[in-house]
Amino acid sequence: MAGRLLEIDALRGIAALAVAFVFHIHHLLGYYRTGPLDGLPLFSWLHDYGFVLVDLFFVISGFIFAHVYLPDGRLKTDARTFAAARFARLYPLHLVTLLAAAAVLAAGPSATAEGCCNDAYHFALNLVMLQETGLNEGMSFNTPSWSISVEVLCYVLFYLVAALATTRFWHLAFVLCAAGLLGTMSGDAQLDHIARGVCGFFAGTLAYRLRSMTVGIWLALLPTGFLVADLVPGLAFGAVLAVTSWPAAVNLARRVALLRSPALVWLGDRSYSIYLIHSPLYMAINVLVFSGEAVPPSLTVPLMLVGWVLLLALADLSFRYLESPARRALTQRLLRARRNSRSPA
């Protein structure tokens, strides 16, 4: 199995932190895409456009999958092992945060509740990780988890293409990336999410394929998406970045030694927990402490700091006592069941 890419894990951790600390701070404060950090250029941009960091997550996922499963262009796993690893990685924390979000929402909506469909049907979709697949009417419960549902779809596509069309994988990855990019022009919110995921994920695999390109090329490509995003009306901003700036960011990150520092490796390890925990945590504080109302302006800064500290503490506990142990236990159990099914009666 290929080694870890610590720098890219760290980049994912930084992106998760930006989403949780800034873009979704309205789940805590009750002010939609605004807050006490407005006026500072980076924070103001993140309040408005932080959603494009999800496209960076998709690119990183595709890059890492190509690194782990297709290091020399040949698939390095079988279907059951692949499915067991993916399920063990994603599902335990997804289930816990889904239940947490449902419990909070049973007490009442938060000040800026985004989910339209917190009912039994959408809870069932969440249970089987189909919450953003076209079967849903909108986002529900732990709303940031829509991207996890789309990731699962990308995993299935990745394995099918890699297993059934190995020699054509990179050609089909390009086709899927392009189809996803064009799919963002549909105007349908759910299709847009799915198309962005497919576009970004397979752009990430292609970024891995092209990883040997010179630093100069990646540096030139880095600002491109931000400069040309408005040239083709209708294309999703995040998808434009996914085929330009984000692959460059990922390949440049591989060359930044600072991203291997212990603090950033720690952050990268906990990126999944940060991403899935922040919304239920923020909503719980807003609903249970502030009765689902906007927080008084005098309390926004101290509450924001408290929310950040609590999030990092919970993410650390989650990684150490939920994510990692559950992942090991589930992987072992699923693979043991596979071996037992192959044993003669």
Protein backbone atom coordinates (compact mmCIF):
# COMPACT_ATOMS: atom_id res chain seq x y z
CA MET A 1 0.00 0.00 0.00
CA ALA A 2 1.31 3.46 -0.90
CA GLY A 3 2.52 5.70 1.90
CA ARG A 4 0.60 8.61 3.34
CA LEU A 5 0.78 12.03 1.77
CA LEU A 6 1.11 14.05 4.97
CA GLU A 7 1.27 17.41 3.22
CA ILE A 8 -2.00 16.81 1.38
CA ASP A 9 -3.70 15.55 4.53
CA ALA A 10 -2.60 18.79 6.17
CA LEU A 11 -4.02 20.81 3.28
CA ARG A 12 -7.34 19.04 3.76
CA GLY A 13 -7.19 19.87 7.46
CA ILE A 14 -6.64 23.56 6.72
CA ALA A 15 -9.60 23.55 4.32
CA ALA A 16 -11.83 21.80 6.87
CA LEU A 17 -10.83 24.37 9.46
CA ALA A 18 -11.71 27.24 7.11
CA VAL A 19 -15.15 25.75 6.43
CA ALA A 20 -15.85 25.14 10.12
CA PHE A 21 -14.31 28.28 11.58
CA VAL A 22 -15.56 30.78 9.02
CA PHE A 23 -17.94 29.65 6.27
CA HIS A 24 -20.36 27.79 8.56
CA ILE A 25 -19.97 30.01 11.63
CA HIS A 26 -23.56 31.12 11.00
CA HIS A 27 -24.73 27.77 12.38
CA LEU A 28 -23.38 29.03 15.71
CA LEU A 29 -23.96 32.77 15.60
CA GLY A 30 -27.19 32.94 13.62
CA TYR A 31 -25.90 35.44 11.04
CA TYR A 32 -25.82 33.94 7.58
CA ARG A 33 -22.43 34.29 5.87
CA THR A 34 -21.35 37.15 8.02
CA GLY A 35 -19.73 37.56 11.37
CA PRO A 36 -17.25 39.49 13.51
CA LEU A 37 -14.37 38.75 11.14
CA ASP A 38 -16.00 40.59 8.23
CA GLY A 39 -13.85 43.33 6.79
CA LEU A 40 -10.69 41.24 6.86
CA PRO A 41 -10.15 40.29 3.20
CA LEU A 42 -9.54 36.56 3.65
CA PHE A 43 -12.38 36.09 6.10
CA SER A 44 -14.83 38.11 4.04
CA TRP A 45 -13.97 35.99 1.00
CA LEU A 46 -14.43 32.78 2.98
CA HIS A 47 -17.80 33.94 4.26
CA ASP A 48 -18.94 34.39 0.67
CA TYR A 49 -17.10 31.63 -1.18
CA GLY A 50 -16.01 29.09 1.40
CA PHE A 51 -18.21 26.50 -0.31
CA VAL A 52 -15.52 26.03 -2.98
CA LEU A 53 -13.32 24.36 -0.39
CA VAL A 54 -15.60 21.33 -0.70
CA ASP A 55 -14.40 21.11 -4.31
CA LEU A 56 -10.86 21.06 -2.95
CA PHE A 57 -11.87 18.10 -0.75
CA PHE A 58 -13.06 16.25 -3.85
CA VAL A 59 -9.79 16.95 -5.69
CA ILE A 60 -7.75 15.78 -2.70
CA SER A 61 -9.81 12.59 -2.47
CA GLY A 62 -9.26 11.77 -6.13
CA PHE A 63 -5.53 12.48 -5.85
CA ILE A 64 -5.15 10.24 -2.78
CA PHE A 65 -7.23 7.44 -4.31
CA ALA A 66 -5.04 7.42 -7.40
CA HIS A 67 -1.96 7.41 -5.17
CA VAL A 68 -3.21 4.53 -3.02
CA TYR A 69 -5.04 2.35 -5.53
CA LEU A 70 -3.46 3.19 -8.90
CA PRO A 71 0.19 4.04 -8.18
CA ASP A 72 1.40 2.35 -11.37
CA GLY A 73 -1.87 2.48 -13.30
CA ARG A 74 -3.13 -0.91 -12.10
CA LEU A 75 -5.80 -1.37 -9.44
CA LYS A 76 -4.27 -2.56 -6.16
CA THR A 77 -7.34 -3.98 -4.41
CA ASP A 78 -10.48 -6.03 -4.91
CA ALA A 79 -14.07 -4.89 -4.54
CA ARG A 80 -14.73 -6.28 -1.06
CA THR A 81 -11.52 -4.94 0.44
CA PHE A 82 -12.12 -1.56 -1.18
CA ALA A 83 -15.73 -1.37 0.05
CA ALA A 84 -14.77 -2.50 3.56
CA ALA A 85 -12.06 0.17 3.82
CA ARG A 86 -14.34 2.93 2.56
CA PHE A 87 -17.26 1.93 4.80
CA ALA A 88 -15.04 1.67 7.88
CA ARG A 89 -13.54 5.07 7.11
CA LEU A 90 -16.74 7.01 6.57
CA TYR A 91 -19.69 5.41 8.28
CA PRO A 92 -19.07 5.37 12.07
CA LEU A 93 -18.62 9.12 12.41
CA HIS A 94 -21.31 9.82 9.83
CA LEU A 95 -23.79 7.79 11.88
CA VAL A 96 -22.87 9.42 15.19
CA THR A 97 -23.10 12.97 13.80
CA LEU A 98 -26.37 12.16 12.03
CA LEU A 99 -27.87 11.02 15.33
CA ALA A 100 -26.47 14.10 17.07
CA ALA A 101 -27.95 16.43 14.44
CA ALA A 102 -31.32 14.67 14.66
CA ALA A 103 -31.34 15.02 18.46
CA VAL A 104 -30.55 18.73 18.27
CA LEU A 105 -33.16 19.39 15.60
CA ALA A 106 -35.77 17.54 17.69
CA ALA A 107 -35.30 20.33 20.25
CA GLY A 108 -35.89 23.01 17.60
CA PRO A 109 -34.35 24.63 14.52
CA SER A 110 -31.22 26.73 14.73
CA ALA A 111 -31.23 30.39 13.74
CA THR A 112 -29.94 29.68 10.24
CA ALA A 113 -31.17 26.13 9.70
CA GLU A 114 -30.32 25.04 6.14
CA GLY A 115 -31.94 21.61 5.92
CA CYS A 116 -35.40 21.63 4.38
CA CYS A 117 -36.20 17.98 4.88
CA ASN A 118 -35.56 16.70 8.38
CA ASP A 119 -38.14 13.92 8.19
CA ALA A 120 -38.16 10.13 8.46
CA TYR A 121 -37.63 9.60 4.73
CA HIS A 122 -34.55 11.82 4.62
CA PHE A 123 -33.26 10.30 7.84
CA ALA A 124 -33.42 6.91 6.12
CA LEU A 125 -31.52 8.32 3.13
CA ASN A 126 -28.87 9.61 5.51
CA LEU A 127 -28.62 6.22 7.19
CA VAL A 128 -27.62 4.62 3.90
CA MET A 129 -25.54 7.62 2.77
CA LEU A 130 -27.85 8.57 -0.10
CA GLN A 131 -28.74 11.99 1.26
CA GLU A 132 -27.56 13.86 -1.84
CA THR A 133 -28.08 11.53 -4.77
CA GLY A 134 -31.21 12.86 -6.47
CA LEU A 135 -33.47 10.74 -4.26
CA ASN A 136 -33.71 13.62 -1.80
CA GLU A 137 -35.70 16.84 -1.99
CA GLY A 138 -32.96 18.94 -0.43
CA MET A 139 -30.34 18.91 2.30
CA SER A 140 -31.16 17.46 5.69
CA PHE A 141 -29.91 16.90 9.25
CA ASN A 142 -26.10 17.29 9.28
CA THR A 143 -26.13 19.32 6.09
CA PRO A 144 -22.36 19.38 5.37
CA SER A 145 -22.55 15.59 5.01
CA TRP A 146 -24.07 16.04 1.53
CA SER A 147 -20.52 15.94 0.23
CA ILE A 148 -19.88 12.59 1.94
CA SER A 149 -22.83 11.12 0.05
CA VAL A 150 -21.41 12.42 -3.22
CA GLU A 151 -17.95 11.07 -2.30
CA VAL A 152 -19.46 7.59 -1.96
CA LEU A 153 -20.83 7.90 -5.50
CA CYS A 154 -17.37 8.93 -6.71
CA TYR A 155 -15.81 5.94 -4.95
CA VAL A 156 -18.18 3.59 -6.78
CA LEU A 157 -17.38 5.22 -10.13
CA PHE A 158 -13.67 5.12 -9.39
CA TYR A 159 -13.66 1.42 -8.61
CA LEU A 160 -15.84 0.48 -11.57
CA VAL A 161 -13.69 2.41 -14.03
CA ALA A 162 -10.42 1.22 -12.49
CA ALA A 163 -11.54 -2.42 -12.38
CA LEU A 164 -13.40 -2.72 -15.66
CA ALA A 165 -11.45 -0.35 -17.89
CA THR A 166 -7.98 -0.26 -16.37
CA THR A 167 -6.14 0.52 -19.58
CA ARG A 168 -8.56 3.35 -20.33
CA PHE A 169 -8.80 4.72 -16.81
CA TRP A 170 -7.12 8.07 -17.47
CA HIS A 171 -9.15 8.66 -20.64
CA LEU A 172 -12.39 7.91 -18.83
CA ALA A 173 -11.30 10.01 -15.86
CA PHE A 174 -10.93 12.95 -18.24
CA VAL A 175 -14.38 12.27 -19.71
CA LEU A 176 -15.98 12.05 -16.26
CA CYS A 177 -14.22 15.22 -15.12
CA ALA A 178 -15.41 17.11 -18.20
CA ALA A 179 -18.94 15.71 -17.89
CA GLY A 180 -19.04 16.82 -14.26
CA LEU A 181 -17.84 20.30 -15.17
CA LEU A 182 -20.52 20.67 -17.85
CA GLY A 183 -23.10 19.14 -15.53
CA THR A 184 -22.80 22.12 -13.21
CA MET A 185 -24.55 24.20 -15.88
CA SER A 186 -27.86 22.38 -15.28
CA GLY A 187 -29.22 24.88 -12.77
CA ASP A 188 -30.44 22.02 -10.55
CA ALA A 189 -28.94 22.24 -7.05
CA GLN A 190 -28.71 18.50 -6.43
CA LEU A 191 -27.27 17.72 -9.86
CA ASP A 192 -24.83 20.58 -9.33
CA HIS A 193 -23.56 18.96 -6.14
CA ILE A 194 -23.14 15.57 -7.78
CA ALA A 195 -21.52 17.08 -10.87
CA ARG A 196 -19.08 19.09 -8.75
CA GLY A 197 -18.11 15.96 -6.88
CA VAL A 198 -17.49 13.92 -10.03
CA CYS A 199 -15.62 16.78 -11.66
CA GLY A 200 -13.39 17.42 -8.65
CA PHE A 201 -12.71 13.80 -7.79
CA PHE A 202 -11.61 12.81 -11.27
CA ALA A 203 -9.71 16.08 -11.69
CA GLY A 204 -7.81 14.92 -8.60
CA THR A 205 -6.96 11.59 -10.20
CA LEU A 206 -5.70 13.43 -13.28
CA ALA A 207 -3.68 15.78 -11.06
CA TYR A 208 -1.96 12.68 -9.69
CA ARG A 209 -1.28 11.44 -13.20
CA LEU A 210 0.29 14.81 -14.06
CA ARG A 211 2.13 15.23 -10.75
CA SER A 212 5.55 15.24 -12.41
CA MET A 213 4.89 18.54 -14.16
CA THR A 214 7.25 21.31 -13.10
CA VAL A 215 6.62 23.63 -10.19
CA GLY A 216 6.51 26.53 -12.62
CA ILE A 217 3.51 25.08 -14.46
CA TRP A 218 1.62 24.46 -11.22
CA LEU A 219 2.45 27.97 -9.99
CA ALA A 220 1.13 29.44 -13.23
CA LEU A 221 -2.04 27.36 -12.95
CA LEU A 222 -2.72 28.21 -9.30
CA PRO A 223 -4.47 31.57 -9.86
CA THR A 224 -6.08 30.57 -13.14
CA GLY A 225 -9.44 29.41 -11.79
CA PHE A 226 -9.95 32.61 -9.83
CA LEU A 227 -9.15 34.70 -12.91
CA VAL A 228 -11.30 32.87 -15.48
CA ALA A 229 -14.27 31.76 -13.35
CA ASP A 230 -16.60 34.35 -14.87
CA LEU A 231 -15.59 33.75 -18.49
CA VAL A 232 -18.00 30.83 -18.99
CA PRO A 233 -21.35 31.79 -17.46
CA GLY A 234 -23.17 28.92 -15.79
CA LEU A 235 -20.21 26.83 -14.73
CA ALA A 236 -19.97 26.37 -10.96
CA PHE A 237 -17.13 28.40 -9.46
CA GLY A 238 -15.99 25.40 -7.41
CA ALA A 239 -15.86 23.15 -10.47
CA VAL A 240 -13.79 25.71 -12.38
CA LEU A 241 -11.33 25.74 -9.48
CA ALA A 242 -11.40 21.93 -9.42
CA VAL A 243 -9.94 21.73 -12.93
CA THR A 244 -7.45 24.57 -12.51
CA SER A 245 -6.39 26.04 -9.17
CA TRP A 246 -7.12 23.15 -6.82
CA PRO A 247 -5.03 20.52 -8.68
CA ALA A 248 -2.21 23.07 -8.68
CA ALA A 249 -2.65 23.66 -4.93
CA VAL A 250 -2.51 19.93 -4.24
CA ASN A 251 0.63 19.38 -6.30
CA LEU A 252 2.33 22.42 -4.83
CA ALA A 253 1.40 21.30 -1.31
CA ARG A 254 3.49 18.17 -1.86
CA ARG A 255 6.55 20.40 -1.99
CA VAL A 256 5.85 22.47 1.15
CA ALA A 257 7.81 21.06 4.08
CA LEU A 258 5.86 23.17 6.58
CA LEU A 259 2.79 21.03 5.90
CA ARG A 260 4.62 18.10 7.49
CA SER A 261 4.87 19.93 10.82
CA PRO A 262 3.36 18.05 13.78
CA ALA A 263 0.58 20.61 14.29
CA LEU A 264 -0.59 20.43 10.70
CA VAL A 265 -0.31 16.63 10.57
CA TRP A 266 -2.46 16.60 13.73
CA LEU A 267 -4.96 18.85 11.98
CA GLY A 268 -5.00 16.69 8.86
CA ASP A 269 -5.69 13.57 10.89
CA ARG A 270 -8.75 15.24 12.40
CA SER A 271 -10.08 16.90 9.25
CA TYR A 272 -12.97 14.44 8.81
CA SER A 273 -14.04 14.88 12.43
CA ILE A 274 -13.82 18.67 12.16
CA TYR A 275 -15.93 18.63 9.02
CA LEU A 276 -18.70 16.35 10.31
CA ILE A 277 -18.85 17.55 13.91
CA HIS A 278 -18.90 21.32 13.47
CA SER A 279 -22.49 21.77 12.29
CA PRO A 280 -24.19 19.57 14.96
CA LEU A 281 -22.01 21.20 17.63
CA TYR A 282 -22.79 24.74 16.50
CA MET A 283 -26.49 24.01 16.13
CA ALA A 284 -26.58 22.46 19.60
CA ILE A 285 -25.11 25.60 21.17
CA ASN A 286 -27.41 27.87 19.18
CA VAL A 287 -30.57 25.87 19.95
CA LEU A 288 -29.92 24.81 23.54
CA VAL A 289 -28.26 27.99 24.81
CA PHE A 290 -29.81 30.70 22.62
CA SER A 291 -33.17 29.06 21.83
CA GLY A 292 -32.47 29.06 18.12
CA GLU A 293 -32.07 32.85 17.95
CA ALA A 294 -29.23 35.01 16.66
CA VAL A 295 -26.52 35.55 19.25
CA PRO A 296 -26.31 39.08 20.74
CA PRO A 297 -23.49 41.00 19.04
CA SER A 298 -21.62 41.49 22.31
CA LEU A 299 -21.24 37.72 22.66
CA THR A 300 -20.25 36.79 19.11
CA VAL A 301 -16.46 36.93 19.52
CA PRO A 302 -16.22 35.04 22.84
CA LEU A 303 -18.80 32.49 21.67
CA MET A 304 -16.95 31.97 18.43
CA LEU A 305 -13.71 31.32 20.33
CA VAL A 306 -15.49 28.89 22.66
CA GLY A 307 -17.03 27.12 19.66
CA TRP A 308 -13.66 26.75 17.98
CA VAL A 309 -12.00 25.32 21.09
CA LEU A 310 -14.86 22.89 21.70
CA LEU A 311 -14.75 21.77 18.07
CA LEU A 312 -11.02 21.02 18.14
CA ALA A 313 -11.39 19.18 21.45
CA LEU A 314 -14.29 17.07 20.17
CA ALA A 315 -12.50 16.39 16.88
CA ASP A 316 -9.47 15.13 18.80
CA LEU A 317 -11.61 12.87 21.00
CA SER A 318 -13.51 11.66 17.95
CA PHE A 319 -10.34 10.81 16.05
CA ARG A 320 -8.76 8.95 18.95
CA TYR A 321 -11.75 7.18 20.47
CA LEU A 322 -14.28 6.84 17.64
CA GLU A 323 -12.82 7.20 14.15
CA SER A 324 -9.59 5.25 14.55
CA PRO A 325 -10.82 2.38 16.76
CA ALA A 326 -14.06 1.94 14.80
CA ARG A 327 -12.17 1.98 11.52
CA ARG A 328 -9.77 -0.73 12.68
CA ALA A 329 -12.51 -2.86 14.23
CA LEU A 330 -14.87 -2.62 11.27
CA THR A 331 -12.15 -3.29 8.72
CA GLN A 332 -11.00 -6.37 10.60
CA ARG A 333 -14.54 -7.66 11.08
CA LEU A 334 -15.55 -7.11 7.47
CA LEU A 335 -12.42 -8.76 6.13
CA ARG A 336 -12.72 -11.63 8.60
CA ALA A 337 -16.29 -12.21 7.43
CA ARG A 338 -14.98 -12.28 3.87
CA ARG A 339 -12.35 -14.88 4.71
CA ASN A 340 -14.90 -17.01 6.56
CA SER A 341 -17.25 -16.92 3.57
CA ARG A 342 -14.44 -18.33 1.43
CA SER A 343 -13.56 -21.13 3.86
CA PRO A 344 -14.89 -24.60 2.99
CA ALA A 345 -17.87 -25.73 5.07
